[in-house]
């Protein structure tokens, strides 16, 4: 069974930090590009950060550049999102996303999401 389990969300004051974790199981983690998306109330889901399967290439939304950092540990099947200098507009449900090719087919997986609330 494929699972992406996020953790690390919570309530934090503006300027604070959080680190989200996503533990993957049920597929070959090292073969997949891993990403974090977020969705705020009334808004579309948007890409926050992405890392290619090799771990050497990253991509960030302009709104989080310089504040967020994505990383992964293949031996732990885990991808992280370090978030610093959080702003109220970062409030959203954050989702882990996996995209890759395995056994000759393309697969996309989503986690259930973890809530991040930035408020004073």
N, C-alpha and C. Protein backbone atom coordinates (compact mmCIF):
# COMPACT_ATOMS: atom_id res chain seq x y z
N UNK A 1 0.84 -1.19 0.00
CA UNK A 1 0.00 0.00 0.00
C UNK A 1 0.88 1.25 0.00
N UNK A 2 0.58 2.15 -0.90
CA UNK A 2 1.33 3.41 -0.99
C UNK A 2 0.83 4.38 0.06
N UNK A 3 1.76 4.98 0.77
CA UNK A 3 1.41 6.00 1.75
C UNK A 3 2.41 7.14 1.71
N UNK A 4 1.87 8.35 1.86
CA UNK A 4 2.67 9.54 2.12
C UNK A 4 2.08 10.17 3.37
N UNK A 5 2.85 10.19 4.44
CA UNK A 5 2.33 10.65 5.72
C UNK A 5 3.09 11.91 6.14
N UNK A 6 2.36 13.02 6.13
CA UNK A 6 2.95 14.29 6.52
C UNK A 6 2.84 14.52 8.02
N UNK A 7 3.78 15.28 8.54
CA UNK A 7 3.72 15.70 9.94
C UNK A 7 4.50 16.99 10.09
N UNK A 8 4.33 17.62 11.25
CA UNK A 8 5.10 18.82 11.54
C UNK A 8 4.33 20.12 11.43
N UNK A 9 3.09 20.04 10.98
CA UNK A 9 2.29 21.25 10.90
C UNK A 9 1.88 21.74 12.28
N UNK A 10 1.30 22.93 12.33
CA UNK A 10 0.86 23.48 13.60
C UNK A 10 0.60 24.96 13.49
N UNK A 11 0.51 25.58 14.64
CA UNK A 11 0.26 27.02 14.73
C UNK A 11 1.57 27.70 15.14
N UNK A 12 1.93 28.73 14.41
CA UNK A 12 3.18 29.44 14.68
C UNK A 12 2.95 30.93 14.47
N UNK A 13 3.69 31.73 15.20
CA UNK A 13 3.58 33.19 15.06
C UNK A 13 4.35 33.66 13.82
N UNK A 14 3.95 34.78 13.27
CA UNK A 14 4.71 35.34 12.14
C UNK A 14 6.18 35.49 12.50
N UNK A 15 7.03 35.12 11.54
CA UNK A 15 8.47 35.13 11.78
C UNK A 15 9.02 33.83 12.32
N UNK A 16 8.12 32.92 12.69
CA UNK A 16 8.55 31.65 13.24
C UNK A 16 8.94 30.64 12.18
N UNK A 17 9.28 29.44 12.64
CA UNK A 17 9.74 28.38 11.75
C UNK A 17 9.00 27.08 12.04
N UNK A 18 8.90 26.26 11.01
CA UNK A 18 8.39 24.91 11.14
C UNK A 18 9.14 24.03 10.16
N UNK A 19 9.24 22.74 10.49
CA UNK A 19 9.77 21.78 9.54
C UNK A 19 8.74 20.68 9.31
N UNK A 20 8.30 20.57 8.09
CA UNK A 20 7.37 19.51 7.72
C UNK A 20 8.15 18.28 7.27
N UNK A 21 7.60 17.12 7.59
CA UNK A 21 8.19 15.85 7.15
C UNK A 21 7.15 15.05 6.41
N UNK A 22 7.61 14.27 5.47
CA UNK A 22 6.71 13.37 4.73
C UNK A 22 7.43 12.03 4.58
N UNK A 23 6.87 11.01 5.20
CA UNK A 23 7.45 9.68 5.13
C UNK A 23 6.70 8.86 4.10
N UNK A 24 7.44 8.30 3.16
CA UNK A 24 6.85 7.56 2.06
C UNK A 24 7.02 6.06 2.25
N UNK A 25 6.06 5.30 1.77
CA UNK A 25 6.16 3.85 1.79
C UNK A 25 5.34 3.28 0.65
N UNK A 26 5.70 2.08 0.23
CA UNK A 26 4.94 1.39 -0.80
C UNK A 26 5.42 1.63 -2.22
N UNK A 27 6.45 2.42 -2.39
CA UNK A 27 7.03 2.62 -3.72
C UNK A 27 8.52 2.92 -3.55
N UNK A 28 9.26 2.91 -4.66
CA UNK A 28 10.70 3.11 -4.60
C UNK A 28 10.99 4.60 -4.56
N UNK A 29 11.13 5.10 -3.38
CA UNK A 29 11.24 6.54 -3.10
C UNK A 29 12.28 7.23 -3.96
N UNK A 30 13.44 6.61 -4.12
CA UNK A 30 14.57 7.25 -4.82
C UNK A 30 14.28 7.49 -6.30
N UNK A 31 13.26 6.87 -6.85
CA UNK A 31 12.93 7.03 -8.26
C UNK A 31 11.99 8.20 -8.54
N UNK A 32 11.50 8.82 -7.48
CA UNK A 32 10.44 9.80 -7.62
C UNK A 32 10.91 11.23 -7.35
N UNK A 33 10.36 12.15 -8.16
CA UNK A 33 10.46 13.56 -7.84
C UNK A 33 9.50 13.84 -6.69
N UNK A 34 9.97 14.58 -5.69
CA UNK A 34 9.14 14.86 -4.52
C UNK A 34 8.86 16.36 -4.43
N UNK A 35 7.64 16.69 -4.06
CA UNK A 35 7.24 18.09 -4.01
C UNK A 35 6.37 18.35 -2.80
N UNK A 36 6.26 19.61 -2.47
CA UNK A 36 5.29 20.10 -1.50
C UNK A 36 4.37 21.09 -2.20
N UNK A 37 3.09 20.90 -2.00
CA UNK A 37 2.07 21.82 -2.47
C UNK A 37 1.34 22.37 -1.25
N UNK A 38 0.60 23.44 -1.47
CA UNK A 38 -0.26 23.96 -0.41
C UNK A 38 -1.55 24.48 -1.00
N UNK A 39 -2.56 24.48 -0.14
CA UNK A 39 -3.86 25.01 -0.55
C UNK A 39 -4.46 25.80 0.59
N UNK A 40 -4.66 27.07 0.35
CA UNK A 40 -5.30 27.95 1.32
C UNK A 40 -6.80 27.97 1.06
N UNK A 41 -7.59 28.31 2.08
CA UNK A 41 -9.05 28.35 1.90
C UNK A 41 -9.45 29.26 0.74
N UNK A 42 -10.27 28.74 -0.15
CA UNK A 42 -10.76 29.52 -1.28
C UNK A 42 -9.78 29.70 -2.41
N UNK A 43 -8.62 29.04 -2.32
CA UNK A 43 -7.60 29.19 -3.36
C UNK A 43 -7.26 27.83 -3.96
N UNK A 44 -6.64 27.87 -5.14
CA UNK A 44 -6.21 26.65 -5.78
C UNK A 44 -4.94 26.11 -5.13
N UNK A 45 -4.76 24.80 -5.27
CA UNK A 45 -3.54 24.19 -4.78
C UNK A 45 -2.37 24.69 -5.62
N UNK A 46 -1.26 25.03 -4.95
CA UNK A 46 -0.11 25.56 -5.66
C UNK A 46 1.16 24.84 -5.25
N UNK A 47 2.09 24.78 -6.20
CA UNK A 47 3.39 24.19 -5.93
C UNK A 47 4.21 25.13 -5.06
N UNK A 48 4.77 24.58 -3.99
CA UNK A 48 5.62 25.36 -3.08
C UNK A 48 7.09 25.08 -3.36
N UNK A 49 7.44 23.79 -3.40
CA UNK A 49 8.84 23.41 -3.59
C UNK A 49 8.89 22.01 -4.19
N UNK A 50 9.92 21.77 -5.01
CA UNK A 50 10.06 20.46 -5.64
C UNK A 50 11.53 20.08 -5.71
N UNK A 51 11.76 18.77 -5.66
CA UNK A 51 13.12 18.26 -5.77
C UNK A 51 13.11 17.05 -6.69
N UNK A 52 14.02 17.02 -7.65
CA UNK A 52 14.09 15.91 -8.58
C UNK A 52 14.57 14.65 -7.86
N UNK A 53 14.33 13.49 -8.46
CA UNK A 53 14.63 12.24 -7.80
C UNK A 53 16.09 12.12 -7.39
N UNK A 54 16.97 12.74 -8.18
CA UNK A 54 18.39 12.68 -7.87
C UNK A 54 18.76 13.54 -6.67
N UNK A 55 17.86 14.45 -6.32
CA UNK A 55 18.14 15.35 -5.22
C UNK A 55 18.98 16.55 -5.60
N UNK A 56 19.37 16.66 -6.86
CA UNK A 56 20.28 17.72 -7.24
C UNK A 56 19.63 18.98 -7.76
N UNK A 57 18.34 18.93 -8.06
CA UNK A 57 17.67 20.08 -8.66
C UNK A 57 16.44 20.43 -7.85
N UNK A 58 16.29 21.70 -7.52
CA UNK A 58 15.14 22.15 -6.73
C UNK A 58 14.44 23.30 -7.44
N UNK A 59 13.19 23.48 -7.06
CA UNK A 59 12.36 24.54 -7.62
C UNK A 59 11.50 25.09 -6.51
N UNK A 60 11.32 26.41 -6.48
CA UNK A 60 10.52 27.03 -5.43
C UNK A 60 9.55 28.05 -6.03
N UNK A 61 8.41 28.19 -5.39
CA UNK A 61 7.51 29.28 -5.73
C UNK A 61 8.19 30.59 -5.36
N UNK A 62 7.95 31.62 -6.15
CA UNK A 62 8.58 32.92 -5.89
C UNK A 62 8.26 33.42 -4.48
N UNK A 63 7.07 33.12 -4.00
CA UNK A 63 6.63 33.64 -2.70
C UNK A 63 7.39 33.03 -1.52
N UNK A 64 8.09 31.92 -1.75
CA UNK A 64 8.79 31.27 -0.63
C UNK A 64 10.30 31.23 -0.82
N UNK A 65 10.80 31.69 -1.94
CA UNK A 65 12.24 31.67 -2.19
C UNK A 65 12.98 32.42 -1.10
N UNK A 66 14.04 31.79 -0.61
CA UNK A 66 14.84 32.39 0.45
C UNK A 66 14.32 32.11 1.84
N UNK A 67 13.11 31.56 1.93
CA UNK A 67 12.52 31.27 3.25
C UNK A 67 12.30 29.77 3.46
N UNK A 68 11.98 29.06 2.39
CA UNK A 68 11.69 27.62 2.49
C UNK A 68 12.81 26.83 1.82
N UNK A 69 13.02 25.62 2.32
CA UNK A 69 14.03 24.74 1.74
C UNK A 69 13.53 23.31 1.74
N UNK A 70 13.62 22.65 0.60
CA UNK A 70 13.20 21.26 0.48
C UNK A 70 14.44 20.36 0.50
N UNK A 71 14.33 19.23 1.15
CA UNK A 71 15.42 18.27 1.18
C UNK A 71 14.83 16.87 1.30
N UNK A 72 15.64 15.86 1.01
CA UNK A 72 15.14 14.50 1.13
C UNK A 72 16.25 13.58 1.61
N UNK A 73 15.83 12.54 2.29
CA UNK A 73 16.73 11.49 2.76
C UNK A 73 16.25 10.17 2.18
N UNK A 74 16.92 9.71 1.15
CA UNK A 74 16.47 8.47 0.51
C UNK A 74 16.51 7.29 1.46
N UNK A 75 17.50 7.25 2.36
CA UNK A 75 17.61 6.09 3.24
C UNK A 75 16.48 6.04 4.26
N UNK A 76 15.82 7.20 4.48
CA UNK A 76 14.69 7.25 5.39
C UNK A 76 13.36 7.39 4.66
N UNK A 77 13.42 7.39 3.32
CA UNK A 77 12.20 7.58 2.53
C UNK A 77 11.43 8.82 2.99
N UNK A 78 12.15 9.88 3.24
CA UNK A 78 11.54 11.07 3.82
C UNK A 78 11.94 12.33 3.05
N UNK A 79 10.96 13.20 2.85
CA UNK A 79 11.21 14.52 2.28
C UNK A 79 10.78 15.56 3.31
N UNK A 80 11.55 16.63 3.39
CA UNK A 80 11.32 17.67 4.38
C UNK A 80 11.03 19.01 3.68
N UNK A 81 10.34 19.86 4.42
CA UNK A 81 10.19 21.24 4.00
C UNK A 81 10.50 22.11 5.22
N UNK A 82 11.65 22.74 5.20
CA UNK A 82 12.03 23.66 6.27
C UNK A 82 11.47 25.04 5.92
N UNK A 83 10.68 25.59 6.81
CA UNK A 83 10.02 26.88 6.56
C UNK A 83 10.47 27.88 7.62
N UNK A 84 11.01 28.99 7.19
CA UNK A 84 11.49 30.03 8.09
C UNK A 84 10.79 31.35 7.76
N UNK A 85 10.85 32.26 8.72
CA UNK A 85 10.24 33.58 8.53
C UNK A 85 8.82 33.45 7.99
N UNK A 86 8.04 32.64 8.64
CA UNK A 86 6.69 32.38 8.17
C UNK A 86 5.81 33.62 8.24
N UNK A 87 4.92 33.72 7.27
CA UNK A 87 4.02 34.86 7.16
C UNK A 87 2.57 34.38 7.22
N UNK A 88 1.65 35.24 7.60
CA UNK A 88 0.24 34.82 7.64
C UNK A 88 -0.24 34.24 6.30
N UNK A 89 0.29 34.74 5.21
CA UNK A 89 -0.13 34.23 3.90
C UNK A 89 0.41 32.84 3.60
N UNK A 90 1.26 32.30 4.46
CA UNK A 90 1.71 30.92 4.32
C UNK A 90 0.70 29.93 4.92
N UNK A 91 -0.31 30.45 5.58
CA UNK A 91 -1.33 29.59 6.18
C UNK A 91 -2.03 28.78 5.09
N UNK A 92 -2.01 27.47 5.26
CA UNK A 92 -2.60 26.57 4.26
C UNK A 92 -2.46 25.13 4.75
N UNK A 93 -3.11 24.24 4.03
CA UNK A 93 -2.84 22.81 4.20
C UNK A 93 -1.71 22.46 3.23
N UNK A 94 -0.69 21.83 3.77
CA UNK A 94 0.49 21.47 2.97
C UNK A 94 0.44 19.98 2.64
N UNK A 95 0.64 19.69 1.37
CA UNK A 95 0.54 18.32 0.87
C UNK A 95 1.88 17.85 0.29
N UNK A 96 2.21 16.63 0.60
CA UNK A 96 3.36 15.95 0.01
C UNK A 96 2.92 15.30 -1.29
N UNK A 97 3.79 15.32 -2.29
CA UNK A 97 3.45 14.83 -3.63
C UNK A 97 4.64 14.07 -4.20
N UNK A 98 4.35 12.92 -4.79
CA UNK A 98 5.39 12.10 -5.42
C UNK A 98 5.01 11.86 -6.88
N UNK A 99 5.99 11.97 -7.76
CA UNK A 99 5.75 11.82 -9.20
C UNK A 99 6.94 11.05 -9.78
N UNK A 100 6.67 9.88 -10.35
CA UNK A 100 7.78 9.12 -10.90
C UNK A 100 7.34 8.00 -11.81
N UNK A 101 8.34 7.33 -12.35
CA UNK A 101 8.11 6.21 -13.25
C UNK A 101 8.68 4.95 -12.63
N UNK A 102 7.86 3.92 -12.56
CA UNK A 102 8.28 2.66 -11.95
C UNK A 102 7.53 1.54 -12.65
N UNK A 103 8.22 0.45 -12.89
CA UNK A 103 7.62 -0.71 -13.56
C UNK A 103 7.01 -0.32 -14.91
N UNK A 104 7.64 0.65 -15.59
CA UNK A 104 7.20 1.05 -16.92
C UNK A 104 5.98 1.94 -16.96
N UNK A 105 5.53 2.44 -15.83
CA UNK A 105 4.35 3.31 -15.81
C UNK A 105 4.63 4.54 -14.93
N UNK A 106 3.85 5.60 -15.21
CA UNK A 106 3.96 6.83 -14.42
C UNK A 106 2.97 6.79 -13.27
N UNK A 107 3.43 7.24 -12.12
CA UNK A 107 2.58 7.26 -10.93
C UNK A 107 2.67 8.61 -10.24
N UNK A 108 1.55 9.04 -9.68
CA UNK A 108 1.48 10.25 -8.87
C UNK A 108 0.77 9.89 -7.57
N UNK A 109 1.36 10.30 -6.47
CA UNK A 109 0.77 10.04 -5.16
C UNK A 109 0.68 11.33 -4.36
N UNK A 110 -0.34 11.41 -3.52
CA UNK A 110 -0.56 12.56 -2.64
C UNK A 110 -0.70 12.09 -1.21
N UNK A 111 -0.20 12.92 -0.30
CA UNK A 111 -0.48 12.71 1.10
C UNK A 111 -1.80 13.34 1.49
N UNK A 112 -2.17 13.17 2.75
CA UNK A 112 -3.45 13.69 3.24
C UNK A 112 -3.39 15.15 3.65
N UNK A 113 -2.18 15.65 3.84
CA UNK A 113 -2.02 17.06 4.16
C UNK A 113 -1.81 17.31 5.65
N UNK A 114 -1.12 18.41 5.93
CA UNK A 114 -0.93 18.86 7.30
C UNK A 114 -1.16 20.37 7.35
N UNK A 115 -1.90 20.81 8.36
CA UNK A 115 -2.30 22.21 8.46
C UNK A 115 -1.16 23.06 9.04
N UNK A 116 -0.89 24.16 8.38
CA UNK A 116 0.05 25.17 8.90
C UNK A 116 -0.73 26.47 9.06
N UNK A 117 -0.72 27.00 10.26
CA UNK A 117 -1.41 28.26 10.54
C UNK A 117 -0.41 29.25 11.11
N UNK A 118 -0.30 30.39 10.46
CA UNK A 118 0.62 31.45 10.90
C UNK A 118 -0.24 32.61 11.40
N UNK A 119 -0.20 32.81 12.69
CA UNK A 119 -1.08 33.81 13.29
C UNK A 119 -0.49 34.30 14.60
N UNK A 120 -0.72 35.58 14.86
CA UNK A 120 -0.28 36.13 16.15
C UNK A 120 -1.42 36.06 17.17
